[in-house]
Amino acid sequence: MFFSIQSGSRSQMIDITPKIQETIDAVGITDGMVMVFSPHTTAAVTINENADPSVPVDIETILDRMIPWKADYRHMEGNSAAHAKSSLVGASELVAIENGQLILGTWQSVFFCEFDGPRKRKVQLSFFP
């Protein structure tokens, strides 16, 4: 099962927690696990703080410093940095579901990390009992 998401900039961390919870509610899952997966080589999924909006911005800044957009890359499409960031952050997260609710820490959210936007993307959800 998947849902679509539209990014609005080259790099962006988008809170997809409400969309995941909406899907859990629609499917009627009460207990188990959900794997949240990005089937894109220039995007990722992560869990981090969402209480302070500067945290996702700081993460993007740190990644840009670690993996600059312009460097001596060989990949001809011009998005090598996006591929490296995707590999570093990771393509998926596994989250517990109890009593129909995602189990996340007080300040945590699940983010779709766009590294080569803006684009329309898909997020795959797989449920396990």
N, C-alpha and C. Protein backbone atom coordinates (compact mmCIF):
# COMPACT_ATOMS: atom_id res chain seq x y z
N MET A 1 0.85 -1.15 0.00
CA MET A 1 0.00 0.00 0.00
C MET A 1 0.91 1.23 0.00
N PHE A 2 0.52 2.24 -0.74
CA PHE A 2 1.35 3.44 -0.81
C PHE A 2 0.49 4.70 -0.82
N PHE A 3 1.13 5.82 -0.54
CA PHE A 3 0.50 7.12 -0.73
C PHE A 3 1.50 8.02 -1.43
N SER A 4 0.99 9.05 -2.08
CA SER A 4 1.83 10.00 -2.81
C SER A 4 2.09 11.23 -1.96
N ILE A 5 3.22 11.85 -2.25
CA ILE A 5 3.61 13.07 -1.56
C ILE A 5 4.29 13.99 -2.58
N GLN A 6 4.06 15.27 -2.44
CA GLN A 6 4.67 16.26 -3.33
C GLN A 6 5.63 17.12 -2.54
N SER A 7 6.89 17.11 -2.94
CA SER A 7 7.85 17.99 -2.28
C SER A 7 7.83 19.34 -2.98
N GLY A 8 8.27 20.36 -2.25
CA GLY A 8 8.21 21.71 -2.80
C GLY A 8 9.55 22.36 -3.05
N SER A 9 10.63 21.66 -2.67
CA SER A 9 11.95 22.24 -2.89
C SER A 9 12.98 21.13 -3.11
N ARG A 10 14.20 21.54 -3.42
CA ARG A 10 15.26 20.57 -3.71
C ARG A 10 15.50 19.63 -2.53
N SER A 11 15.64 20.20 -1.34
CA SER A 11 15.78 19.42 -0.11
C SER A 11 14.66 19.82 0.83
N GLN A 12 14.04 18.82 1.43
CA GLN A 12 12.91 19.11 2.30
C GLN A 12 12.63 17.90 3.17
N MET A 13 12.37 18.14 4.45
CA MET A 13 11.93 17.08 5.34
C MET A 13 10.44 17.30 5.60
N ILE A 14 9.64 16.34 5.17
CA ILE A 14 8.18 16.46 5.23
C ILE A 14 7.64 15.49 6.27
N ASP A 15 6.90 16.01 7.24
CA ASP A 15 6.28 15.18 8.27
C ASP A 15 5.16 14.35 7.63
N ILE A 16 5.35 13.04 7.60
CA ILE A 16 4.34 12.15 7.01
C ILE A 16 3.62 11.34 8.08
N THR A 17 3.86 11.64 9.35
CA THR A 17 3.22 10.92 10.44
C THR A 17 1.69 10.92 10.33
N PRO A 18 1.05 12.08 10.10
CA PRO A 18 -0.42 12.06 10.00
C PRO A 18 -0.93 11.18 8.85
N LYS A 19 -0.23 11.18 7.73
CA LYS A 19 -0.66 10.35 6.59
C LYS A 19 -0.50 8.87 6.92
N ILE A 20 0.56 8.50 7.62
CA ILE A 20 0.74 7.10 8.03
C ILE A 20 -0.37 6.70 8.99
N GLN A 21 -0.66 7.56 9.98
CA GLN A 21 -1.72 7.26 10.95
C GLN A 21 -3.08 7.16 10.26
N GLU A 22 -3.33 8.03 9.31
CA GLU A 22 -4.57 7.99 8.54
C GLU A 22 -4.72 6.65 7.81
N THR A 23 -3.63 6.16 7.26
CA THR A 23 -3.66 4.87 6.56
C THR A 23 -3.89 3.73 7.55
N ILE A 24 -3.25 3.78 8.70
CA ILE A 24 -3.47 2.76 9.74
C ILE A 24 -4.94 2.73 10.13
N ASP A 25 -5.53 3.90 10.32
CA ASP A 25 -6.94 3.99 10.67
C ASP A 25 -7.83 3.40 9.58
N ALA A 26 -7.52 3.73 8.32
CA ALA A 26 -8.32 3.25 7.20
C ALA A 26 -8.24 1.74 7.04
N VAL A 27 -7.07 1.17 7.27
CA VAL A 27 -6.86 -0.26 7.12
C VAL A 27 -7.39 -1.02 8.33
N GLY A 28 -7.41 -0.35 9.49
CA GLY A 28 -7.92 -0.98 10.69
C GLY A 28 -6.90 -1.81 11.45
N ILE A 29 -5.63 -1.51 11.26
CA ILE A 29 -4.58 -2.23 11.99
C ILE A 29 -4.62 -1.78 13.45
N THR A 30 -4.61 -2.75 14.37
CA THR A 30 -4.63 -2.38 15.79
C THR A 30 -3.27 -2.60 16.45
N ASP A 31 -2.60 -3.70 16.12
CA ASP A 31 -1.30 -3.98 16.72
C ASP A 31 -0.39 -4.62 15.68
N GLY A 32 0.87 -4.27 15.73
CA GLY A 32 1.84 -4.82 14.80
C GLY A 32 2.94 -3.83 14.51
N MET A 33 3.41 -3.88 13.29
CA MET A 33 4.49 -3.00 12.85
C MET A 33 4.15 -2.46 11.47
N VAL A 34 4.67 -1.28 11.17
CA VAL A 34 4.57 -0.74 9.82
C VAL A 34 5.98 -0.37 9.36
N MET A 35 6.32 -0.85 8.17
CA MET A 35 7.57 -0.43 7.55
C MET A 35 7.22 0.70 6.58
N VAL A 36 7.87 1.82 6.77
CA VAL A 36 7.70 3.00 5.92
C VAL A 36 8.92 3.04 5.01
N PHE A 37 8.69 2.94 3.70
CA PHE A 37 9.78 2.75 2.74
C PHE A 37 9.69 3.76 1.61
N SER A 38 10.83 4.32 1.25
CA SER A 38 10.94 5.20 0.09
C SER A 38 11.54 4.41 -1.07
N PRO A 39 10.77 4.20 -2.15
CA PRO A 39 11.31 3.47 -3.29
C PRO A 39 12.05 4.37 -4.29
N HIS A 40 12.74 5.37 -3.76
CA HIS A 40 13.44 6.35 -4.59
C HIS A 40 14.91 6.42 -4.18
N THR A 41 15.80 6.51 -5.13
CA THR A 41 17.24 6.52 -4.82
C THR A 41 17.76 7.89 -4.41
N THR A 42 16.91 8.90 -4.45
CA THR A 42 17.34 10.23 -4.04
C THR A 42 16.42 10.80 -2.95
N ALA A 43 15.81 9.91 -2.19
CA ALA A 43 14.96 10.31 -1.06
C ALA A 43 15.16 9.31 0.06
N ALA A 44 14.65 9.63 1.24
CA ALA A 44 14.86 8.75 2.39
C ALA A 44 13.71 8.91 3.37
N VAL A 45 13.75 8.10 4.43
CA VAL A 45 12.77 8.17 5.51
C VAL A 45 13.55 8.15 6.83
N THR A 46 13.16 9.01 7.75
CA THR A 46 13.80 9.02 9.07
C THR A 46 12.81 9.41 10.14
N ILE A 47 13.18 9.15 11.38
CA ILE A 47 12.41 9.58 12.55
C ILE A 47 13.26 10.57 13.31
N ASN A 48 12.67 11.72 13.64
CA ASN A 48 13.40 12.70 14.42
C ASN A 48 12.42 13.66 15.07
N GLU A 49 12.96 14.67 15.74
CA GLU A 49 12.13 15.64 16.46
C GLU A 49 11.32 16.50 15.50
N ASN A 50 10.07 16.76 15.93
CA ASN A 50 9.21 17.64 15.15
C ASN A 50 8.61 18.75 16.01
N ALA A 51 9.00 18.83 17.27
CA ALA A 51 8.47 19.88 18.14
C ALA A 51 9.08 21.25 17.79
N ASP A 52 10.34 21.25 17.45
CA ASP A 52 11.05 22.48 17.07
C ASP A 52 11.31 22.43 15.57
N PRO A 53 10.69 23.31 14.80
CA PRO A 53 10.86 23.26 13.34
C PRO A 53 12.28 23.52 12.87
N SER A 54 13.15 24.00 13.74
CA SER A 54 14.54 24.23 13.34
C SER A 54 15.33 22.93 13.25
N VAL A 55 14.86 21.85 13.91
CA VAL A 55 15.59 20.58 13.87
C VAL A 55 15.69 20.03 12.44
N PRO A 56 14.58 19.89 11.70
CA PRO A 56 14.72 19.41 10.32
C PRO A 56 15.59 20.33 9.45
N VAL A 57 15.50 21.63 9.67
CA VAL A 57 16.34 22.58 8.93
C VAL A 57 17.81 22.36 9.27
N ASP A 58 18.10 22.15 10.55
CA ASP A 58 19.47 21.87 10.97
C ASP A 58 19.99 20.57 10.35
N ILE A 59 19.15 19.55 10.29
CA ILE A 59 19.56 18.28 9.69
C ILE A 59 19.89 18.49 8.21
N GLU A 60 19.06 19.23 7.49
CA GLU A 60 19.33 19.52 6.08
C GLU A 60 20.65 20.28 5.95
N THR A 61 20.90 21.24 6.83
CA THR A 61 22.14 22.03 6.79
C THR A 61 23.36 21.14 7.04
N ILE A 62 23.26 20.26 8.02
CA ILE A 62 24.37 19.34 8.33
C ILE A 62 24.65 18.43 7.13
N LEU A 63 23.60 17.88 6.54
CA LEU A 63 23.79 17.01 5.37
C LEU A 63 24.41 17.76 4.20
N ASP A 64 24.00 19.02 3.99
CA ASP A 64 24.58 19.84 2.91
C ASP A 64 26.06 20.10 3.15
N ARG A 65 26.44 20.28 4.42
CA ARG A 65 27.86 20.50 4.73
C ARG A 65 28.67 19.22 4.54
N MET A 66 28.08 18.09 4.95
CA MET A 66 28.77 16.80 4.82
C MET A 66 28.87 16.36 3.36
N ILE A 67 27.80 16.62 2.60
CA ILE A 67 27.71 16.16 1.22
C ILE A 67 27.28 17.35 0.36
N PRO A 68 28.23 18.17 -0.08
CA PRO A 68 27.88 19.37 -0.85
C PRO A 68 27.31 19.03 -2.23
N TRP A 69 26.50 19.92 -2.74
CA TRP A 69 25.88 19.70 -4.05
C TRP A 69 26.91 19.71 -5.17
N LYS A 70 27.90 20.55 -5.05
CA LYS A 70 28.91 20.63 -6.10
C LYS A 70 30.22 20.06 -5.56
N ALA A 71 30.69 19.03 -6.21
CA ALA A 71 31.96 18.40 -5.85
C ALA A 71 32.44 17.63 -7.08
N ASP A 72 33.47 16.88 -6.94
CA ASP A 72 34.04 16.14 -8.07
C ASP A 72 33.32 14.80 -8.25
N TYR A 73 32.00 14.86 -8.49
CA TYR A 73 31.20 13.65 -8.66
C TYR A 73 31.28 13.16 -10.11
N ARG A 74 31.15 11.87 -10.31
CA ARG A 74 31.20 11.29 -11.65
C ARG A 74 29.82 11.09 -12.27
N HIS A 75 28.81 10.94 -11.44
CA HIS A 75 27.44 10.71 -11.92
C HIS A 75 27.00 11.92 -12.75
N MET A 76 26.57 11.70 -13.97
CA MET A 76 26.33 12.77 -14.92
C MET A 76 25.01 13.52 -14.74
N GLU A 77 24.09 12.99 -13.95
CA GLU A 77 22.78 13.65 -13.81
C GLU A 77 22.83 14.89 -12.92
N GLY A 78 23.91 15.08 -12.18
CA GLY A 78 24.02 16.25 -11.33
C GLY A 78 23.34 16.11 -9.97
N ASN A 79 22.96 14.88 -9.62
CA ASN A 79 22.28 14.68 -8.33
C ASN A 79 23.00 13.66 -7.45
N SER A 80 24.31 13.56 -7.61
CA SER A 80 25.09 12.61 -6.80
C SER A 80 24.93 12.87 -5.31
N ALA A 81 24.88 14.13 -4.92
CA ALA A 81 24.71 14.45 -3.51
C ALA A 81 23.41 13.87 -2.98
N ALA A 82 22.36 13.93 -3.77
CA ALA A 82 21.06 13.38 -3.35
C ALA A 82 21.14 11.86 -3.16
N HIS A 83 21.86 11.18 -4.04
CA HIS A 83 22.04 9.73 -3.90
C HIS A 83 22.80 9.40 -2.62
N ALA A 84 23.86 10.14 -2.35
CA ALA A 84 24.66 9.89 -1.15
C ALA A 84 23.86 10.18 0.12
N LYS A 85 23.09 11.27 0.13
CA LYS A 85 22.27 11.59 1.30
C LYS A 85 21.22 10.52 1.54
N SER A 86 20.62 10.03 0.48
CA SER A 86 19.63 8.97 0.61
C SER A 86 20.23 7.72 1.24
N SER A 87 21.43 7.34 0.79
CA SER A 87 22.09 6.17 1.36
C SER A 87 22.47 6.40 2.82
N LEU A 88 22.91 7.58 3.15
CA LEU A 88 23.32 7.88 4.51
C LEU A 88 22.13 7.87 5.48
N VAL A 89 21.02 8.48 5.09
CA VAL A 89 19.84 8.55 5.96
C VAL A 89 19.10 7.22 5.99
N GLY A 90 18.93 6.59 4.85
CA GLY A 90 18.27 5.29 4.79
C GLY A 90 16.90 5.35 4.14
N ALA A 91 16.51 4.23 3.55
CA ALA A 91 15.28 4.16 2.77
C ALA A 91 14.05 3.81 3.57
N SER A 92 14.21 3.35 4.83
CA SER A 92 13.03 2.89 5.55
C SER A 92 13.16 3.05 7.06
N GLU A 93 12.01 2.97 7.71
CA GLU A 93 11.91 2.94 9.17
C GLU A 93 10.83 1.92 9.52
N LEU A 94 11.03 1.22 10.62
CA LEU A 94 10.07 0.26 11.13
C LEU A 94 9.51 0.83 12.43
N VAL A 95 8.17 0.96 12.50
CA VAL A 95 7.53 1.60 13.64
C VAL A 95 6.46 0.67 14.21
N ALA A 96 6.43 0.56 15.53
CA ALA A 96 5.41 -0.26 16.19
C ALA A 96 4.05 0.44 16.16
N ILE A 97 3.01 -0.40 16.15
CA ILE A 97 1.63 0.07 16.25
C ILE A 97 1.00 -0.65 17.44
N GLU A 98 0.42 0.11 18.36
CA GLU A 98 -0.29 -0.47 19.49
C GLU A 98 -1.62 0.25 19.65
N ASN A 99 -2.67 -0.54 19.83
CA ASN A 99 -4.03 0.02 19.98
C ASN A 99 -4.36 0.99 18.84
N GLY A 100 -3.89 0.67 17.64
CA GLY A 100 -4.20 1.47 16.47
C GLY A 100 -3.39 2.75 16.32
N GLN A 101 -2.38 2.95 17.18
CA GLN A 101 -1.60 4.18 17.15
C GLN A 101 -0.12 3.89 16.91
N LEU A 102 0.52 4.75 16.14
CA LEU A 102 1.97 4.66 15.98
C LEU A 102 2.63 4.88 17.33
N ILE A 103 3.64 4.10 17.63
CA ILE A 103 4.38 4.26 18.87
C ILE A 103 5.64 5.07 18.56
N LEU A 104 5.57 6.34 18.90
CA LEU A 104 6.68 7.27 18.72
C LEU A 104 6.91 8.01 20.03
N GLY A 105 8.12 8.51 20.21
CA GLY A 105 8.43 9.31 21.38
C GLY A 105 7.65 10.62 21.35
N THR A 106 7.61 11.28 22.47
CA THR A 106 6.83 12.51 22.64
C THR A 106 7.10 13.53 21.53
N TRP A 107 8.35 13.70 21.16
CA TRP A 107 8.71 14.74 20.20
C TRP A 107 8.94 14.20 18.79
N GLN A 108 8.78 12.88 18.60
CA GLN A 108 9.15 12.27 17.32
C GLN A 108 8.05 12.32 16.27
N SER A 109 8.50 12.41 15.03
CA SER A 109 7.65 12.27 13.85
C SER A 109 8.42 11.47 12.80
N VAL A 110 7.69 10.93 11.85
CA VAL A 110 8.31 10.24 10.72
C VAL A 110 8.39 11.25 9.57
N PHE A 111 9.58 11.38 9.01
CA PHE A 111 9.81 12.35 7.94
C PHE A 111 10.16 11.66 6.64
N PHE A 112 9.59 12.15 5.55
CA PHE A 112 10.05 11.83 4.21
C PHE A 112 11.10 12.88 3.88
N CYS A 113 12.29 12.44 3.50
CA CYS A 113 13.40 13.34 3.22
C CYS A 113 13.61 13.44 1.71
N GLU A 114 13.27 14.57 1.17
CA GLU A 114 13.47 14.83 -0.26
C GLU A 114 14.86 15.42 -0.46
N PHE A 115 15.63 14.83 -1.37
CA PHE A 115 16.97 15.32 -1.65
C PHE A 115 17.17 15.70 -3.12
N ASP A 116 16.13 15.58 -3.95
CA ASP A 116 16.27 15.86 -5.38
C ASP A 116 14.95 16.38 -5.94
N GLY A 117 14.36 17.32 -5.24
CA GLY A 117 13.04 17.82 -5.63
C GLY A 117 13.13 19.13 -6.38
N PRO A 118 11.97 19.73 -6.53
CA PRO A 118 10.66 19.22 -6.12
C PRO A 118 10.18 18.10 -7.06
N ARG A 119 9.50 17.14 -6.46
CA ARG A 119 9.00 15.98 -7.20
C ARG A 119 7.76 15.41 -6.53
N LYS A 120 7.00 14.65 -7.32
CA LYS A 120 5.94 13.83 -6.76
C LYS A 120 6.57 12.47 -6.45
N ARG A 121 6.37 12.01 -5.22
CA ARG A 121 7.00 10.78 -4.75
C ARG A 121 5.95 9.82 -4.20
N LYS A 122 6.38 8.58 -3.98
CA LYS A 122 5.53 7.58 -3.34
C LYS A 122 6.19 7.14 -2.04
N VAL A 123 5.37 6.82 -1.07
CA VAL A 123 5.81 6.24 0.18
C VAL A 123 5.08 4.91 0.32
N GLN A 124 5.83 3.83 0.44
CA GLN A 124 5.27 2.49 0.56
C GLN A 124 5.10 2.14 2.03
N LEU A 125 3.94 1.62 2.39
CA LEU A 125 3.68 1.13 3.74
C LEU A 125 3.42 -0.37 3.68
N SER A 126 4.13 -1.12 4.50
CA SER A 126 3.92 -2.57 4.63
C SER A 126 3.64 -2.87 6.09
N PHE A 127 2.56 -3.61 6.34
CA PHE A 127 2.13 -3.91 7.71
C PHE A 127 2.46 -5.34 8.07
N PHE A 128 2.90 -5.52 9.31
CA PHE A 128 3.26 -6.84 9.83
C PHE A 128 2.52 -7.06 11.16
N PRO A 129 1.96 -8.25 11.36
CA PRO A 129 1.24 -8.51 12.61
C PRO A 129 2.18 -8.62 13.80
